[in-house]
Protein backbone atom coordinates (compact mmCIF):
# COMPACT_ATOMS: atom_id res chain seq x y z
CA UNK A 1 0.00 0.00 0.00
CA UNK A 2 1.45 3.42 -0.92
CA UNK A 3 2.58 5.77 1.82
CA UNK A 4 -0.02 8.30 0.75
CA UNK A 5 -2.81 5.89 1.64
CA UNK A 6 -1.22 5.04 4.98
CA UNK A 7 -0.91 8.76 5.78
CA UNK A 8 2.81 8.27 6.35
CA UNK A 9 4.16 10.54 3.60
CA UNK A 10 6.00 13.76 4.42
CA UNK A 11 7.13 16.56 2.15
CA UNK A 12 9.88 19.08 2.73
CA UNK A 13 8.50 22.59 2.57
CA UNK A 14 10.51 25.54 1.21
CA UNK A 15 11.12 26.64 4.82
CA UNK A 16 13.00 23.38 5.43
CA UNK A 17 10.37 21.82 7.66
CA UNK A 18 9.13 18.28 7.04
CA UNK A 19 5.31 18.14 7.19
CA UNK A 20 2.60 15.62 6.45
CA UNK A 21 1.78 16.01 2.77
CA UNK A 22 -1.89 16.59 3.60
CA UNK A 23 -0.99 19.74 5.54
CA UNK A 24 1.06 21.17 2.69
CA UNK A 25 -0.40 23.24 -0.12
CA UNK A 26 -1.87 20.72 -2.61
CA UNK A 27 -0.61 22.77 -5.55
CA UNK A 28 2.93 22.65 -4.15
CA UNK A 29 2.75 18.88 -3.66
CA UNK A 30 1.48 18.30 -7.19
CA UNK A 31 4.10 20.63 -8.68
CA UNK A 32 6.91 18.75 -6.92
CA UNK A 33 5.54 15.43 -8.18
CA UNK A 34 5.22 16.73 -11.73
CA UNK A 35 8.76 18.09 -11.64
CA UNK A 36 9.92 14.71 -10.26
CA UNK A 37 11.39 16.36 -7.17
CA UNK A 38 11.10 13.05 -5.31
CA UNK A 39 13.97 13.86 -2.95
CA UNK A 40 11.54 16.23 -1.20
CA UNK A 41 9.38 13.31 -0.04
CA UNK A 42 10.03 10.78 2.69
CA UNK A 43 8.36 8.17 4.82
CA UNK A 44 7.16 9.77 8.05
CA UNK A 45 9.09 8.88 11.15
CA UNK A 46 7.24 7.47 14.12
CA UNK A 47 6.49 10.05 16.74
CA UNK A 48 8.66 9.84 19.85
CA UNK A 49 6.39 12.12 21.82
CA UNK A 50 5.29 10.69 25.12
CA UNK A 51 1.97 11.41 26.64
CA UNK A 52 1.82 13.84 29.53
CA UNK A 53 0.66 11.05 31.80
CA UNK A 54 3.73 8.94 31.01
CA UNK A 55 6.03 11.92 31.60
CA UNK A 56 4.48 12.54 35.02
CA UNK A 57 4.86 8.88 35.98
CA UNK A 58 8.51 8.87 34.94
CA UNK A 59 9.25 12.02 36.91
CA UNK A 60 7.58 10.51 40.00
CA UNK A 61 9.76 7.41 39.67
CA UNK A 62 12.90 9.52 39.38
CA UNK A 63 11.93 11.61 42.40
CA UNK A 64 11.20 8.53 44.52
CA UNK A 65 14.60 7.05 43.61
CA UNK A 66 16.31 10.29 44.63
CA UNK A 67 14.50 10.30 47.97
CA UNK A 68 15.55 6.70 48.65
CA UNK A 69 19.18 7.55 47.88
CA UNK A 70 19.02 10.58 50.20
CA UNK A 71 17.62 8.44 53.03
CA UNK A 72 20.35 5.82 52.56
CA UNK A 73 23.08 8.49 52.71
CA UNK A 74 21.85 9.78 56.08
PDB file of N, CA and C in Angstrom:
ATOM      1  N   UNK A   1       0.851  -1.178   0.000  1.00  0.00           N
ATOM      2  CA  UNK A   1       0.000   0.000   0.000  1.00  0.00           C
ATOM      3  C   UNK A   1       0.902   1.249   0.000  1.00  0.00           C
ATOM      4  N   UNK A   2       0.630   2.212  -0.853  1.00  0.00           N
ATOM      5  CA  UNK A   2       1.454   3.422  -0.923  1.00  0.00           C
ATOM      6  C   UNK A   2       1.415   4.230   0.379  1.00  0.00           C
ATOM      7  N   UNK A   3       2.482   4.963   0.601  1.00  0.00           N
ATOM      8  CA  UNK A   3       2.581   5.768   1.824  1.00  0.00           C
ATOM      9  C   UNK A   3       1.500   6.828   1.893  1.00  0.00           C
ATOM     10  N   UNK A   4       1.055   7.305   0.758  1.00  0.00           N
ATOM     11  CA  UNK A   4      -0.024   8.302   0.751  1.00  0.00           C
ATOM     12  C   UNK A   4      -1.276   7.734   1.404  1.00  0.00           C
ATOM     13  N   UNK A   5      -1.597   6.507   1.091  1.00  0.00           N
ATOM     14  CA  UNK A   5      -2.806   5.891   1.637  1.00  0.00           C
ATOM     15  C   UNK A   5      -2.662   5.585   3.122  1.00  0.00           C
ATOM     16  N   UNK A   6      -1.456   5.327   3.567  1.00  0.00           N
ATOM     17  CA  UNK A   6      -1.219   5.043   4.979  1.00  0.00           C
ATOM     18  C   UNK A   6      -1.082   6.323   5.797  1.00  0.00           C
ATOM     19  N   UNK A   7      -1.095   7.468   5.117  1.00  0.00           N
ATOM     20  CA  UNK A   7      -0.914   8.765   5.778  1.00  0.00           C
ATOM     21  C   UNK A   7       0.450   8.838   6.463  1.00  0.00           C
ATOM     22  N   UNK A   8       1.470   8.279   5.797  1.00  0.00           N
ATOM     23  CA  UNK A   8       2.814   8.268   6.349  1.00  0.00           C
ATOM     24  C   UNK A   8       3.796   9.012   5.450  1.00  0.00           C
ATOM     25  N   UNK A   9       3.303   9.846   4.546  1.00  0.00           N
ATOM     26  CA  UNK A   9       4.164  10.542   3.604  1.00  0.00           C
ATOM     27  C   UNK A   9       4.391  11.973   4.058  1.00  0.00           C
ATOM     28  N   UNK A  10       5.649  12.385   4.065  1.00  0.00           N
ATOM     29  CA  UNK A  10       5.997  13.756   4.423  1.00  0.00           C
ATOM     30  C   UNK A  10       6.648  14.438   3.229  1.00  0.00           C
ATOM     31  N   UNK A  11       6.510  15.752   3.196  1.00  0.00           N
ATOM     32  CA  UNK A  11       7.131  16.561   2.147  1.00  0.00           C
ATOM     33  C   UNK A  11       7.940  17.663   2.819  1.00  0.00           C
ATOM     34  N   UNK A  12       9.056  17.986   2.198  1.00  0.00           N
ATOM     35  CA  UNK A  12       9.879  19.077   2.727  1.00  0.00           C
ATOM     36  C   UNK A  12       9.395  20.382   2.128  1.00  0.00           C
ATOM     37  N   UNK A  13       8.991  21.288   2.995  1.00  0.00           N
ATOM     38  CA  UNK A  13       8.496  22.590   2.569  1.00  0.00           C
ATOM     39  C   UNK A  13       9.669  23.516   2.267  1.00  0.00           C
ATOM     40  N   UNK A  14       9.432  24.600   1.533  1.00  0.00           N
ATOM     41  CA  UNK A  14      10.515  25.539   1.211  1.00  0.00           C
ATOM     42  C   UNK A  14      11.217  26.103   2.454  1.00  0.00           C
ATOM     43  N   UNK A  15      10.512  26.130   3.587  1.00  0.00           N
ATOM     44  CA  UNK A  15      11.123  26.639   4.819  1.00  0.00           C
ATOM     45  C   UNK A  15      12.108  25.643   5.423  1.00  0.00           C
ATOM     46  N   UNK A  16      12.093  24.402   4.917  1.00  0.00           N
ATOM     47  CA  UNK A  16      13.001  23.376   5.429  1.00  0.00           C
ATOM     48  C   UNK A  16      12.344  22.428   6.407  1.00  0.00           C
ATOM     49  N   UNK A  17      11.095  22.652   6.703  1.00  0.00           N
ATOM     50  CA  UNK A  17      10.369  21.821   7.665  1.00  0.00           C
ATOM     51  C   UNK A  17       9.738  20.637   6.942  1.00  0.00           C
ATOM     52  N   UNK A  18       9.800  19.471   7.570  1.00  0.00           N
ATOM     53  CA  UNK A  18       9.131  18.284   7.037  1.00  0.00           C
ATOM     54  C   UNK A  18       7.729  18.240   7.627  1.00  0.00           C
ATOM     55  N   UNK A  19       6.709  18.167   6.754  1.00  0.00           N
ATOM     56  CA  UNK A  19       5.312  18.137   7.194  1.00  0.00           C
ATOM     57  C   UNK A  19       4.576  17.023   6.476  1.00  0.00           C
ATOM     58  N   UNK A  20       3.484  16.575   7.089  1.00  0.00           N
ATOM     59  CA  UNK A  20       2.601  15.617   6.446  1.00  0.00           C
ATOM     60  C   UNK A  20       2.126  16.235   5.141  1.00  0.00           C
ATOM     61  N   UNK A  21       2.120  15.453   4.080  1.00  0.00           N
ATOM     62  CA  UNK A  21       1.784  16.011   2.771  1.00  0.00           C
ATOM     63  C   UNK A  21       0.372  16.575   2.725  1.00  0.00           C
ATOM     64  N   UNK A  22      -0.520  16.083   3.588  1.00  0.00           N
ATOM     65  CA  UNK A  22      -1.893  16.594   3.599  1.00  0.00           C
ATOM     66  C   UNK A  22      -1.963  18.024   4.137  1.00  0.00           C
ATOM     67  N   UNK A  23      -1.000  18.396   4.961  1.00  0.00           N
ATOM     68  CA  UNK A  23      -0.993  19.736   5.542  1.00  0.00           C
ATOM     69  C   UNK A  23      -0.321  20.760   4.634  1.00  0.00           C
ATOM     70  N   UNK A  24       0.376  20.272   3.628  1.00  0.00           N
ATOM     71  CA  UNK A  24       1.056  21.169   2.690  1.00  0.00           C
ATOM     72  C   UNK A  24       0.069  21.647   1.629  1.00  0.00           C
ATOM     73  N   UNK A  25       0.417  22.713   0.966  1.00  0.00           N
ATOM     74  CA  UNK A  25      -0.401  23.241  -0.117  1.00  0.00           C
ATOM     75  C   UNK A  25      -0.499  22.188  -1.223  1.00  0.00           C
ATOM     76  N   UNK A  26      -1.716  21.772  -1.594  1.00  0.00           N
ATOM     77  CA  UNK A  26      -1.873  20.720  -2.614  1.00  0.00           C
ATOM     78  C   UNK A  26      -1.215  21.073  -3.949  1.00  0.00           C
ATOM     79  N   UNK A  27      -1.242  22.350  -4.305  1.00  0.00           N
ATOM     80  CA  UNK A  27      -0.609  22.768  -5.552  1.00  0.00           C
ATOM     81  C   UNK A  27       0.904  22.559  -5.488  1.00  0.00           C
ATOM     82  N   UNK A  28       1.492  22.845  -4.338  1.00  0.00           N
ATOM     83  CA  UNK A  28       2.933  22.652  -4.153  1.00  0.00           C
ATOM     84  C   UNK A  28       3.293  21.173  -4.269  1.00  0.00           C
ATOM     85  N   UNK A  29       2.498  20.324  -3.617  1.00  0.00           N
ATOM     86  CA  UNK A  29       2.747  18.881  -3.657  1.00  0.00           C
ATOM     87  C   UNK A  29       2.679  18.374  -5.098  1.00  0.00           C
ATOM     88  N   UNK A  30       1.644  18.747  -5.809  1.00  0.00           N
ATOM     89  CA  UNK A  30       1.484  18.297  -7.191  1.00  0.00           C
ATOM     90  C   UNK A  30       2.604  18.812  -8.088  1.00  0.00           C
ATOM     91  N   UNK A  31       3.028  20.057  -7.876  1.00  0.00           N
ATOM     92  CA  UNK A  31       4.105  20.628  -8.677  1.00  0.00           C
ATOM     93  C   UNK A  31       5.411  19.858  -8.457  1.00  0.00           C
ATOM     94  N   UNK A  32       5.691  19.491  -7.217  1.00  0.00           N
ATOM     95  CA  UNK A  32       6.906  18.749  -6.916  1.00  0.00           C
ATOM     96  C   UNK A  32       6.855  17.357  -7.534  1.00  0.00           C
ATOM     97  N   UNK A  33       5.684  16.743  -7.548  1.00  0.00           N
ATOM     98  CA  UNK A  33       5.543  15.432  -8.176  1.00  0.00           C
ATOM     99  C   UNK A  33       5.701  15.529  -9.689  1.00  0.00           C
ATOM    100  N   UNK A  34       5.112  16.547 -10.285  1.00  0.00           N
ATOM    101  CA  UNK A  34       5.215  16.729 -11.734  1.00  0.00           C
ATOM    102  C   UNK A  34       6.659  17.003 -12.162  1.00  0.00           C
ATOM    103  N   UNK A  35       7.371  17.760 -11.343  1.00  0.00           N
ATOM    104  CA  UNK A  35       8.763  18.088 -11.645  1.00  0.00           C
ATOM    105  C   UNK A  35       9.720  16.961 -11.226  1.00  0.00           C
ATOM    106  N   UNK A  36       9.158  15.874 -10.721  1.00  0.00           N
ATOM    107  CA  UNK A  36       9.924  14.708 -10.258  1.00  0.00           C
ATOM    108  C   UNK A  36      10.946  15.087  -9.188  1.00  0.00           C
ATOM    109  N   UNK A  37      10.549  15.957  -8.297  1.00  0.00           N
ATOM    110  CA  UNK A  37      11.389  16.359  -7.169  1.00  0.00           C
ATOM    111  C   UNK A  37      11.160  15.385  -6.011  1.00  0.00           C
ATOM    112  N   UNK A  38      11.419  14.108  -6.270  1.00  0.00           N
ATOM    113  CA  UNK A  38      11.099  13.052  -5.310  1.00  0.00           C
ATOM    114  C   UNK A  38      11.980  13.086  -4.061  1.00  0.00           C
ATOM    115  N   UNK A  39      13.107  13.761  -4.131  1.00  0.00           N
ATOM    116  CA  UNK A  39      13.971  13.862  -2.951  1.00  0.00           C
ATOM    117  C   UNK A  39      13.330  14.733  -1.863  1.00  0.00           C
ATOM    118  N   UNK A  40      12.241  15.402  -2.194  1.00  0.00           N
ATOM    119  CA  UNK A  40      11.544  16.232  -1.202  1.00  0.00           C
ATOM    120  C   UNK A  40      10.465  15.458  -0.461  1.00  0.00           C
ATOM    121  N   UNK A  41      10.366  14.161  -0.702  1.00  0.00           N
ATOM    122  CA  UNK A  41       9.378  13.314  -0.036  1.00  0.00           C
ATOM    123  C   UNK A  41      10.101  12.255   0.774  1.00  0.00           C
ATOM    124  N   UNK A  42       9.469  11.857   1.890  1.00  0.00           N
ATOM    125  CA  UNK A  42      10.032  10.777   2.689  1.00  0.00           C
ATOM    126  C   UNK A  42       8.924  10.090   3.476  1.00  0.00           C
ATOM    127  N   UNK A  43       9.264   8.913   3.954  1.00  0.00           N
ATOM    128  CA  UNK A  43       8.355   8.173   4.821  1.00  0.00           C
ATOM    129  C   UNK A  43       8.391   8.842   6.190  1.00  0.00           C
ATOM    130  N   UNK A  44       7.234   9.080   6.759  1.00  0.00           N
ATOM    131  CA  UNK A  44       7.157   9.774   8.047  1.00  0.00           C
ATOM    132  C   UNK A  44       7.770   8.923   9.147  1.00  0.00           C
ATOM    133  N   UNK A  45       8.506   9.567  10.008  1.00  0.00           N
ATOM    134  CA  UNK A  45       9.087   8.882  11.152  1.00  0.00           C
ATOM    135  C   UNK A  45       8.022   8.715  12.225  1.00  0.00           C
ATOM    136  N   UNK A  46       8.176   7.680  13.022  1.00  0.00           N
ATOM    137  CA  UNK A  46       7.240   7.475  14.117  1.00  0.00           C
ATOM    138  C   UNK A  46       7.471   8.537  15.174  1.00  0.00           C
ATOM    139  N   UNK A  47       6.404   9.004  15.735  1.00  0.00           N
ATOM    140  CA  UNK A  47       6.492  10.053  16.736  1.00  0.00           C
ATOM    141  C   UNK A  47       7.098   9.503  18.021  1.00  0.00           C
ATOM    142  N   UNK A  48       8.037  10.241  18.596  1.00  0.00           N
ATOM    143  CA  UNK A  48       8.659   9.842  19.849  1.00  0.00           C
ATOM    144  C   UNK A  48       8.044  10.567  21.038  1.00  0.00           C
ATOM    145  N   UNK A  49       7.017  11.344  20.756  1.00  0.00           N
ATOM    146  CA  UNK A  49       6.394  12.115  21.821  1.00  0.00           C
ATOM    147  C   UNK A  49       5.724  11.179  22.810  1.00  0.00           C
ATOM    148  N   UNK A  50       5.928  11.470  24.077  1.00  0.00           N
ATOM    149  CA  UNK A  50       5.293  10.688  25.125  1.00  0.00           C
ATOM    150  C   UNK A  50       4.099  11.464  25.642  1.00  0.00           C
ATOM    151  N   UNK A  51       3.141  10.731  26.097  1.00  0.00           N
ATOM    152  CA  UNK A  51       1.969  11.405  26.637  1.00  0.00           C
ATOM    153  C   UNK A  51       2.346  12.110  27.936  1.00  0.00           C
ATOM    154  N   UNK A  52       1.568  13.083  28.298  1.00  0.00           N
ATOM    155  CA  UNK A  52       1.816  13.844  29.527  1.00  0.00           C
ATOM    156  C   UNK A  52       1.744  12.924  30.737  1.00  0.00           C
ATOM    157  N   UNK A  53       0.817  11.983  30.693  1.00  0.00           N
ATOM    158  CA  UNK A  53       0.658  11.049  31.799  1.00  0.00           C
ATOM    159  C   UNK A  53       1.929  10.231  31.992  1.00  0.00           C
ATOM    160  N   UNK A  54       2.505   9.728  30.915  1.00  0.00           N
ATOM    161  CA  UNK A  54       3.733   8.943  31.008  1.00  0.00           C
ATOM    162  C   UNK A  54       4.885   9.778  31.534  1.00  0.00           C
ATOM    163  N   UNK A  55       4.964  11.046  31.120  1.00  0.00           N
ATOM    164  CA  UNK A  55       6.027  11.918  31.597  1.00  0.00           C
ATOM    165  C   UNK A  55       5.912  12.140  33.097  1.00  0.00           C
ATOM    166  N   UNK A  56       4.688  12.333  33.583  1.00  0.00           N
ATOM    167  CA  UNK A  56       4.478  12.542  35.018  1.00  0.00           C
ATOM    168  C   UNK A  56       4.869  11.302  35.808  1.00  0.00           C
ATOM    169  N   UNK A  57       4.514  10.115  35.297  1.00  0.00           N
ATOM    170  CA  UNK A  57       4.857   8.876  35.984  1.00  0.00           C
ATOM    171  C   UNK A  57       6.366   8.690  36.043  1.00  0.00           C
ATOM    172  N   UNK A  58       7.051   9.007  34.950  1.00  0.00           N
ATOM    173  CA  UNK A  58       8.505   8.871  34.937  1.00  0.00           C
ATOM    174  C   UNK A  58       9.162   9.831  35.917  1.00  0.00           C
ATOM    175  N   UNK A  59       8.657  11.059  35.991  1.00  0.00           N
ATOM    176  CA  UNK A  59       9.252  12.019  36.913  1.00  0.00           C
ATOM    177  C   UNK A  59       9.000  11.601  38.361  1.00  0.00           C
ATOM    178  N   UNK A  60       7.854  11.002  38.647  1.00  0.00           N
ATOM    179  CA  UNK A  60       7.576  10.506  39.999  1.00  0.00           C
ATOM    180  C   UNK A  60       8.552   9.395  40.368  1.00  0.00           C
ATOM    181  N   UNK A  61       8.828   8.502  39.413  1.00  0.00           N
ATOM    182  CA  UNK A  61       9.762   7.407  39.673  1.00  0.00           C
ATOM    183  C   UNK A  61      11.148   7.943  39.957  1.00  0.00           C
ATOM    184  N   UNK A  62      11.579   8.933  39.177  1.00  0.00           N
ATOM    185  CA  UNK A  62      12.904   9.521  39.380  1.00  0.00           C
ATOM    186  C   UNK A  62      12.992  10.181  40.748  1.00  0.00           C
ATOM    187  N   UNK A  63      11.933  10.921  41.112  1.00  0.00           N
ATOM    188  CA  UNK A  63      11.929  11.607  42.400  1.00  0.00           C
ATOM    189  C   UNK A  63      11.952  10.620  43.556  1.00  0.00           C
ATOM    190  N   UNK A  64      11.216   9.517  43.443  1.00  0.00           N
ATOM    191  CA  UNK A  64      11.197   8.532  44.524  1.00  0.00           C
ATOM    192  C   UNK A  64      12.556   7.855  44.658  1.00  0.00           C
ATOM    193  N   UNK A  65      13.259   7.632  43.551  1.00  0.00           N
ATOM    194  CA  UNK A  65      14.597   7.052  43.607  1.00  0.00           C
ATOM    195  C   UNK A  65      15.562   8.005  44.296  1.00  0.00           C
ATOM    196  N   UNK A  66      15.444   9.298  43.998  1.00  0.00           N
ATOM    197  CA  UNK A  66      16.312  10.288  44.627  1.00  0.00           C
ATOM    198  C   UNK A  66      16.080  10.331  46.135  1.00  0.00           C
ATOM    199  N   UNK A  67      14.821  10.256  46.547  1.00  0.00           N
ATOM    200  CA  UNK A  67      14.497  10.295  47.973  1.00  0.00           C
ATOM    201  C   UNK A  67      15.073   9.079  48.689  1.00  0.00           C
ATOM    202  N   UNK A  68      15.002   7.920  48.052  1.00  0.00           N
ATOM    203  CA  UNK A  68      15.553   6.703  48.654  1.00  0.00           C
ATOM    204  C   UNK A  68      17.060   6.814  48.805  1.00  0.00           C
ATOM    205  N   UNK A  69      17.737   7.382  47.802  1.00  0.00           N
ATOM    206  CA  UNK A  69      19.180   7.553  47.875  1.00  0.00           C
ATOM    207  C   UNK A  69      19.545   8.509  48.997  1.00  0.00           C
ATOM    208  N   UNK A  70      18.768   9.591  49.140  1.00  0.00           N
ATOM    209  CA  UNK A  70      19.025  10.576  50.198  1.00  0.00           C
ATOM    210  C   UNK A  70      18.852   9.947  51.573  1.00  0.00           C
ATOM    211  N   UNK A  71      17.858   9.104  51.743  1.00  0.00           N
ATOM    212  CA  UNK A  71      17.624   8.441  53.028  1.00  0.00           C
ATOM    213  C   UNK A  71      18.763   7.486  53.337  1.00  0.00           C
ATOM    214  N   UNK A  72      19.262   6.775  52.349  1.00  0.00           N
ATOM    215  CA  UNK A  72      20.352   5.824  52.556  1.00  0.00           C
ATOM    216  C   UNK A  72      21.655   6.534  52.915  1.00  0.00           C
ATOM    217  N   UNK A  73      21.860   7.743  52.406  1.00  0.00           N
ATOM    218  CA  UNK A  73      23.082   8.490  52.707  1.00  0.00           C
ATOM    219  C   UNK A  73      23.098   8.963  54.144  1.00  0.00           C
ATOM    220  N   UNK A  74      21.932   9.262  54.713  1.00  0.00           N
ATOM    221  CA  UNK A  74      21.851   9.783  56.080  1.00  0.00           C
ATOM    222  C   UNK A  74      22.051   8.659  57.023  1.00  0.00           C
TER     223      UNK A  74
END
